[in-house]
Amino acid sequence: PGEVLVRTSAVAINFPDVLLARGEYQV
């Protein structure tokens, strides 16, 4: 409830993706 399912066409890469992989992001 309250969500949308999206069929993904493209994903922009952001620096948080780097930090997520390294375990250094705030989340």
PDB file of all heavy atoms in Angstrom:
ATOM      1  N   PRO A   1       0.833  -1.213   0.000  1.00  0.00           N
ATOM      2  CA  PRO A   1       0.000   0.000   0.000  1.00  0.00           C
ATOM      3  C   PRO A   1       0.862   1.256   0.000  1.00  0.00           C
ATOM      4  O   PRO A   1       1.850   1.357   0.752  1.00  0.00           O
ATOM      5  CB  PRO A   1      -0.803  -0.129   1.299  1.00  0.00           C
ATOM      6  CG  PRO A   1      -0.907  -1.610   1.520  1.00  0.00           C
ATOM      7  CD  PRO A   1       0.405  -2.169   1.049  1.00  0.00           C
ATOM      8  N   GLY A   2       0.505   2.178  -0.886  1.00  0.00           N
ATOM      9  CA  GLY A   2       1.270   3.424  -0.970  1.00  0.00           C
ATOM     10  C   GLY A   2       2.518   3.328  -1.827  1.00  0.00           C
ATOM     11  O   GLY A   2       3.283   4.294  -1.900  1.00  0.00           O
ATOM     12  N   GLU A   3       2.735   2.196  -2.508  1.00  0.00           N
ATOM     13  CA  GLU A   3       3.917   2.013  -3.355  1.00  0.00           C
ATOM     14  C   GLU A   3       3.521   1.844  -4.820  1.00  0.00           C
ATOM     15  O   GLU A   3       2.391   1.472  -5.142  1.00  0.00           O
ATOM     16  CB  GLU A   3       4.729   0.794  -2.918  1.00  0.00           C
ATOM     17  CG  GLU A   3       5.456   0.958  -1.604  1.00  0.00           C
ATOM     18  CD  GLU A   3       6.348  -0.227  -1.293  1.00  0.00           C
ATOM     19  OE1 GLU A   3       6.082  -1.338  -1.832  1.00  0.00           O
ATOM     20  OE2 GLU A   3       7.299  -0.054  -0.516  1.00  0.00           O
ATOM     21  N   VAL A   4       4.509   2.085  -5.675  1.00  0.00           N
ATOM     22  CA  VAL A   4       4.365   1.911  -7.114  1.00  0.00           C
ATOM     23  C   VAL A   4       5.411   0.904  -7.579  1.00  0.00           C
ATOM     24  O   VAL A   4       6.578   0.998  -7.181  1.00  0.00           O
ATOM     25  CB  VAL A   4       4.563   3.258  -7.843  1.00  0.00           C
ATOM     26  CG1 VAL A   4       4.566   3.068  -9.355  1.00  0.00           C
ATOM     27  CG2 VAL A   4       3.506   4.264  -7.429  1.00  0.00           C
ATOM     28  N   LEU A   5       5.014  -0.063  -8.381  1.00  0.00           N
ATOM     29  CA  LEU A   5       5.973  -0.968  -8.998  1.00  0.00           C
ATOM     30  C   LEU A   5       6.364  -0.395 -10.350  1.00  0.00           C
ATOM     31  O   LEU A   5       5.499  -0.124 -11.196  1.00  0.00           O
ATOM     32  CB  LEU A   5       5.364  -2.364  -9.184  1.00  0.00           C
ATOM     33  CG  LEU A   5       6.280  -3.387  -9.885  1.00  0.00           C
ATOM     34  CD1 LEU A   5       7.486  -3.721  -9.019  1.00  0.00           C
ATOM     35  CD2 LEU A   5       5.502  -4.654 -10.242  1.00  0.00           C
ATOM     36  N   VAL A   6       7.662  -0.207 -10.551  1.00  0.00           N
ATOM     37  CA  VAL A   6       8.178   0.397 -11.774  1.00  0.00           C
ATOM     38  C   VAL A   6       8.997  -0.627 -12.545  1.00  0.00           C
ATOM     39  O   VAL A   6       9.877  -1.298 -11.970  1.00  0.00           O
ATOM     40  CB  VAL A   6       9.049   1.633 -11.457  1.00  0.00           C
ATOM     41  CG1 VAL A   6       9.617   2.239 -12.747  1.00  0.00           C
ATOM     42  CG2 VAL A   6       8.246   2.673 -10.689  1.00  0.00           C
ATOM     43  N   ARG A   7       8.691  -0.758 -13.829  1.00  0.00           N
ATOM     44  CA  ARG A   7       9.571  -1.519 -14.729  1.00  0.00           C
ATOM     45  C   ARG A   7      10.691  -0.575 -15.128  1.00  0.00           C
ATOM     46  O   ARG A   7      10.466   0.430 -15.802  1.00  0.00           O
ATOM     47  CB  ARG A   7       8.821  -2.012 -15.955  1.00  0.00           C
ATOM     48  CG  ARG A   7       9.692  -2.815 -16.931  1.00  0.00           C
ATOM     49  CD  ARG A   7       8.849  -3.312 -18.106  1.00  0.00           C
ATOM     50  NE  ARG A   7       9.641  -4.127 -19.023  1.00  0.00           N
ATOM     51  CZ  ARG A   7      10.260  -3.662 -20.102  1.00  0.00           C
ATOM     52  NH1 ARG A   7      10.191  -2.367 -20.399  1.00  0.00           N
ATOM     53  NH2 ARG A   7      10.955  -4.456 -20.875  1.00  0.00           N
ATOM     54  N   THR A   8      11.896  -0.879 -14.695  1.00  0.00           N
ATOM     55  CA  THR A   8      13.009   0.050 -14.806  1.00  0.00           C
ATOM     56  C   THR A   8      13.538   0.135 -16.235  1.00  0.00           C
ATOM     57  O   THR A   8      13.816  -0.891 -16.860  1.00  0.00           O
ATOM     58  CB  THR A   8      14.158  -0.376 -13.875  1.00  0.00           C
ATOM     59  OG1 THR A   8      13.631  -0.606 -12.569  1.00  0.00           O
ATOM     60  CG2 THR A   8      15.226   0.696 -13.804  1.00  0.00           C
ATOM     61  N   SER A   9      13.666   1.359 -16.729  1.00  0.00           N
ATOM     62  CA  SER A   9      14.274   1.586 -18.038  1.00  0.00           C
ATOM     63  C   SER A   9      15.735   1.997 -17.896  1.00  0.00           C
ATOM     64  O   SER A   9      16.602   1.534 -18.650  1.00  0.00           O
ATOM     65  CB  SER A   9      13.512   2.681 -18.796  1.00  0.00           C
ATOM     66  OG  SER A   9      12.179   2.317 -19.020  1.00  0.00           O
ATOM     67  N   ALA A  10      16.037   2.886 -16.949  1.00  0.00           N
ATOM     68  CA  ALA A  10      17.395   3.390 -16.778  1.00  0.00           C
ATOM     69  C   ALA A  10      17.615   3.772 -15.325  1.00  0.00           C
ATOM     70  O   ALA A  10      16.690   4.211 -14.634  1.00  0.00           O
ATOM     71  CB  ALA A  10      17.633   4.602 -17.678  1.00  0.00           C
ATOM     72  N   VAL A  11      18.852   3.598 -14.869  1.00  0.00           N
ATOM     73  CA  VAL A  11      19.249   3.964 -13.512  1.00  0.00           C
ATOM     74  C   VAL A  11      20.470   4.875 -13.605  1.00  0.00           C
ATOM     75  O   VAL A  11      21.473   4.507 -14.225  1.00  0.00           O
ATOM     76  CB  VAL A  11      19.598   2.718 -12.667  1.00  0.00           C
ATOM     77  CG1 VAL A  11      20.165   3.125 -11.309  1.00  0.00           C
ATOM     78  CG2 VAL A  11      18.368   1.835 -12.476  1.00  0.00           C
ATOM     79  N   ALA A  12      20.367   6.063 -13.031  1.00  0.00           N
ATOM     80  CA  ALA A  12      21.519   6.960 -12.966  1.00  0.00           C
ATOM     81  C   ALA A  12      22.369   6.594 -11.757  1.00  0.00           C
ATOM     82  O   ALA A  12      21.842   6.370 -10.664  1.00  0.00           O
ATOM     83  CB  ALA A  12      21.050   8.411 -12.868  1.00  0.00           C
ATOM     84  N   ILE A  13      23.680   6.539 -11.969  1.00  0.00           N
ATOM     85  CA  ILE A  13      24.587   6.172 -10.887  1.00  0.00           C
ATOM     86  C   ILE A  13      24.959   7.430 -10.093  1.00  0.00           C
ATOM     87  O   ILE A  13      25.268   8.473 -10.666  1.00  0.00           O
ATOM     88  CB  ILE A  13      25.853   5.500 -11.446  1.00  0.00           C
ATOM     89  CG1 ILE A  13      25.459   4.257 -12.266  1.00  0.00           C
ATOM     90  CG2 ILE A  13      26.805   5.109 -10.321  1.00  0.00           C
ATOM     91  CD1 ILE A  13      24.667   3.226 -11.499  1.00  0.00           C
ATOM     92  N   ASN A  14      24.895   7.320  -8.779  1.00  0.00           N
ATOM     93  CA  ASN A  14      25.219   8.422  -7.875  1.00  0.00           C
ATOM     94  C   ASN A  14      26.316   7.993  -6.911  1.00  0.00           C
ATOM     95  O   ASN A  14      26.510   6.798  -6.655  1.00  0.00           O
ATOM     96  CB  ASN A  14      23.984   8.831  -7.075  1.00  0.00           C
ATOM     97  CG  ASN A  14      22.933   9.500  -7.932  1.00  0.00           C
ATOM     98  OD1 ASN A  14      22.931  10.710  -8.082  1.00  0.00           O
ATOM     99  ND2 ASN A  14      22.016   8.716  -8.505  1.00  0.00           N
ATOM    100  N   PHE A  15      27.024   8.984  -6.339  1.00  0.00           N
ATOM    101  CA  PHE A  15      28.109   8.635  -5.416  1.00  0.00           C
ATOM    102  C   PHE A  15      27.626   7.824  -4.217  1.00  0.00           C
ATOM    103  O   PHE A  15      28.376   6.974  -3.714  1.00  0.00           O
ATOM    104  CB  PHE A  15      28.855   9.891  -4.956  1.00  0.00           C
ATOM    105  CG  PHE A  15      30.227   9.588  -4.416  1.00  0.00           C
ATOM    106  CD1 PHE A  15      31.248   9.175  -5.258  1.00  0.00           C
ATOM    107  CD2 PHE A  15      30.491   9.679  -3.062  1.00  0.00           C
ATOM    108  CE1 PHE A  15      32.505   8.867  -4.762  1.00  0.00           C
ATOM    109  CE2 PHE A  15      31.748   9.386  -2.557  1.00  0.00           C
ATOM    110  CZ  PHE A  15      32.757   8.974  -3.406  1.00  0.00           C
ATOM    111  N   PRO A  16      26.406   8.028  -3.723  1.00  0.00           N
ATOM    112  CA  PRO A  16      25.933   7.128  -2.659  1.00  0.00           C
ATOM    113  C   PRO A  16      25.969   5.652  -3.034  1.00  0.00           C
ATOM    114  O   PRO A  16      26.093   4.798  -2.146  1.00  0.00           O
ATOM    115  CB  PRO A  16      24.499   7.619  -2.418  1.00  0.00           C
ATOM    116  CG  PRO A  16      24.562   9.070  -2.702  1.00  0.00           C
ATOM    117  CD  PRO A  16      25.493   9.177  -3.891  1.00  0.00           C
ATOM    118  N   ASP A  17      25.879   5.318  -4.333  1.00  0.00           N
ATOM    119  CA  ASP A  17      26.005   3.919  -4.728  1.00  0.00           C
ATOM    120  C   ASP A  17      27.394   3.378  -4.414  1.00  0.00           C
ATOM    121  O   ASP A  17      27.556   2.220  -4.014  1.00  0.00           O
ATOM    122  CB  ASP A  17      25.703   3.757  -6.218  1.00  0.00           C
ATOM    123  CG  ASP A  17      24.261   4.059  -6.550  1.00  0.00           C
ATOM    124  OD1 ASP A  17      23.376   3.594  -5.824  1.00  0.00           O
ATOM    125  OD2 ASP A  17      24.019   4.780  -7.540  1.00  0.00           O
ATOM    126  N   VAL A  18      28.402   4.224  -4.593  1.00  0.00           N
ATOM    127  CA  VAL A  18      29.773   3.853  -4.228  1.00  0.00           C
ATOM    128  C   VAL A  18      29.862   3.628  -2.727  1.00  0.00           C
ATOM    129  O   VAL A  18      30.414   2.625  -2.245  1.00  0.00           O
ATOM    130  CB  VAL A  18      30.768   4.942  -4.676  1.00  0.00           C
ATOM    131  CG1 VAL A  18      32.184   4.586  -4.230  1.00  0.00           C
ATOM    132  CG2 VAL A  18      30.706   5.156  -6.178  1.00  0.00           C
ATOM    133  N   LEU A  19      29.304   4.577  -1.965  1.00  0.00           N
ATOM    134  CA  LEU A  19      29.376   4.487  -0.504  1.00  0.00           C
ATOM    135  C   LEU A  19      28.564   3.312   0.022  1.00  0.00           C
ATOM    136  O   LEU A  19      28.961   2.662   1.002  1.00  0.00           O
ATOM    137  CB  LEU A  19      28.878   5.798   0.111  1.00  0.00           C
ATOM    138  CG  LEU A  19      29.675   7.052  -0.258  1.00  0.00           C
ATOM    139  CD1 LEU A  19      29.065   8.285   0.390  1.00  0.00           C
ATOM    140  CD2 LEU A  19      31.141   6.907   0.151  1.00  0.00           C
ATOM    141  N   LEU A  20      27.435   3.005  -0.606  1.00  0.00           N
ATOM    142  CA  LEU A  20      26.652   1.835  -0.201  1.00  0.00           C
ATOM    143  C   LEU A  20      27.461   0.555  -0.368  1.00  0.00           C
ATOM    144  O   LEU A  20      27.462  -0.318   0.509  1.00  0.00           O
ATOM    145  CB  LEU A  20      25.369   1.755  -1.028  1.00  0.00           C
ATOM    146  CG  LEU A  20      24.226   2.680  -0.613  1.00  0.00           C
ATOM    147  CD1 LEU A  20      23.194   2.780  -1.729  1.00  0.00           C
ATOM    148  CD2 LEU A  20      23.572   2.186   0.669  1.00  0.00           C
ATOM    149  N   ALA A  21      28.172   0.445  -1.494  1.00  0.00           N
ATOM    150  CA  ALA A  21      28.996  -0.746  -1.721  1.00  0.00           C
ATOM    151  C   ALA A  21      30.108  -0.858  -0.684  1.00  0.00           C
ATOM    152  O   ALA A  21      30.440  -1.953  -0.227  1.00  0.00           O
ATOM    153  CB  ALA A  21      29.586  -0.713  -3.128  1.00  0.00           C
ATOM    154  N   ARG A  22      30.659   0.273  -0.299  1.00  0.00           N
ATOM    155  CA  ARG A  22      31.757   0.285   0.670  1.00  0.00           C
ATOM    156  C   ARG A  22      31.289   0.193   2.123  1.00  0.00           C
ATOM    157  O   ARG A  22      32.106   0.090   3.033  1.00  0.00           O
ATOM    158  CB  ARG A  22      32.587   1.553   0.496  1.00  0.00           C
ATOM    159  CG  ARG A  22      33.349   1.629  -0.819  1.00  0.00           C
ATOM    160  CD  ARG A  22      33.994   2.988  -0.990  1.00  0.00           C
ATOM    161  NE  ARG A  22      34.835   3.051  -2.199  1.00  0.00           N
ATOM    162  CZ  ARG A  22      35.354   4.180  -2.681  1.00  0.00           C
ATOM    163  NH1 ARG A  22      35.119   5.332  -2.064  1.00  0.00           N
ATOM    164  NH2 ARG A  22      36.105   4.146  -3.773  1.00  0.00           N
ATOM    165  N   GLY A  23      29.995   0.278   2.345  1.00  0.00           N
ATOM    166  CA  GLY A  23      29.480   0.289   3.711  1.00  0.00           C
ATOM    167  C   GLY A  23      29.734   1.594   4.427  1.00  0.00           C
ATOM    168  O   GLY A  23      29.787   1.638   5.654  1.00  0.00           O
ATOM    169  N   GLU A  24      29.832   2.703   3.655  1.00  0.00           N
ATOM    170  CA  GLU A  24      30.178   3.994   4.237  1.00  0.00           C
ATOM    171  C   GLU A  24      29.049   5.007   4.140  1.00  0.00           C
ATOM    172  O   GLU A  24      29.208   6.157   4.538  1.00  0.00           O
ATOM    173  CB  GLU A  24      31.425   4.559   3.538  1.00  0.00           C
ATOM    174  CG  GLU A  24      32.663   3.706   3.725  1.00  0.00           C
ATOM    175  CD  GLU A  24      33.857   4.197   2.916  1.00  0.00           C
ATOM    176  OE1 GLU A  24      33.679   5.131   2.097  1.00  0.00           O
ATOM    177  OE2 GLU A  24      34.953   3.646   3.093  1.00  0.00           O
ATOM    178  N   TYR A  25      27.903   4.602   3.609  1.00  0.00           N
ATOM    179  CA  TYR A  25      26.784   5.531   3.484  1.00  0.00           C
ATOM    180  C   TYR A  25      26.075   5.637   4.830  1.00  0.00           C
ATOM    181  O   TYR A  25      26.197   4.754   5.688  1.00  0.00           O
ATOM    182  CB  TYR A  25      25.821   5.037   2.408  1.00  0.00           C
ATOM    183  CG  TYR A  25      24.826   6.064   1.941  1.00  0.00           C
ATOM    184  CD1 TYR A  25      25.233   7.332   1.544  1.00  0.00           C
ATOM    185  CD2 TYR A  25      23.465   5.772   1.895  1.00  0.00           C
ATOM    186  CE1 TYR A  25      24.319   8.274   1.090  1.00  0.00           C
ATOM    187  CE2 TYR A  25      22.545   6.701   1.437  1.00  0.00           C
ATOM    188  CZ  TYR A  25      22.978   7.955   1.056  1.00  0.00           C
ATOM    189  OH  TYR A  25      22.072   8.883   0.624  1.00  0.00           O
ATOM    190  N   GLN A  26      25.310   6.748   5.031  1.00  0.00           N
ATOM    191  CA  GLN A  26      24.626   6.924   6.312  1.00  0.00           C
ATOM    192  C   GLN A  26      23.552   5.876   6.546  1.00  0.00           C
ATOM    193  O   GLN A  26      23.210   5.576   7.686  1.00  0.00           O
ATOM    194  CB  GLN A  26      24.019   8.328   6.418  1.00  0.00           C
ATOM    195  CG  GLN A  26      23.076   8.729   5.309  1.00  0.00           C
ATOM    196  CD  GLN A  26      23.764   9.631   4.309  1.00  0.00           C
ATOM    197  OE1 GLN A  26      24.904   9.378   3.916  1.00  0.00           O
ATOM    198  NE2 GLN A  26      23.083  10.690   3.883  1.00  0.00           N
ATOM    199  N   VAL A  27      23.013   5.322   5.446  1.00  0.00           N
ATOM    200  CA  VAL A  27      22.102   4.184   5.541  1.00  0.00           C
ATOM    201  C   VAL A  27      22.897   2.947   5.151  1.00  0.00           C
ATOM    202  O   VAL A  27      23.524   2.913   4.093  1.00  0.00           O
ATOM    203  CB  VAL A  27      20.895   4.360   4.598  1.00  0.00           C
ATOM    204  CG1 VAL A  27      19.977   3.156   4.675  1.00  0.00           C
ATOM    205  CG2 VAL A  27      20.135   5.640   4.951  1.00  0.00           C
TER     206      VAL A  27
END
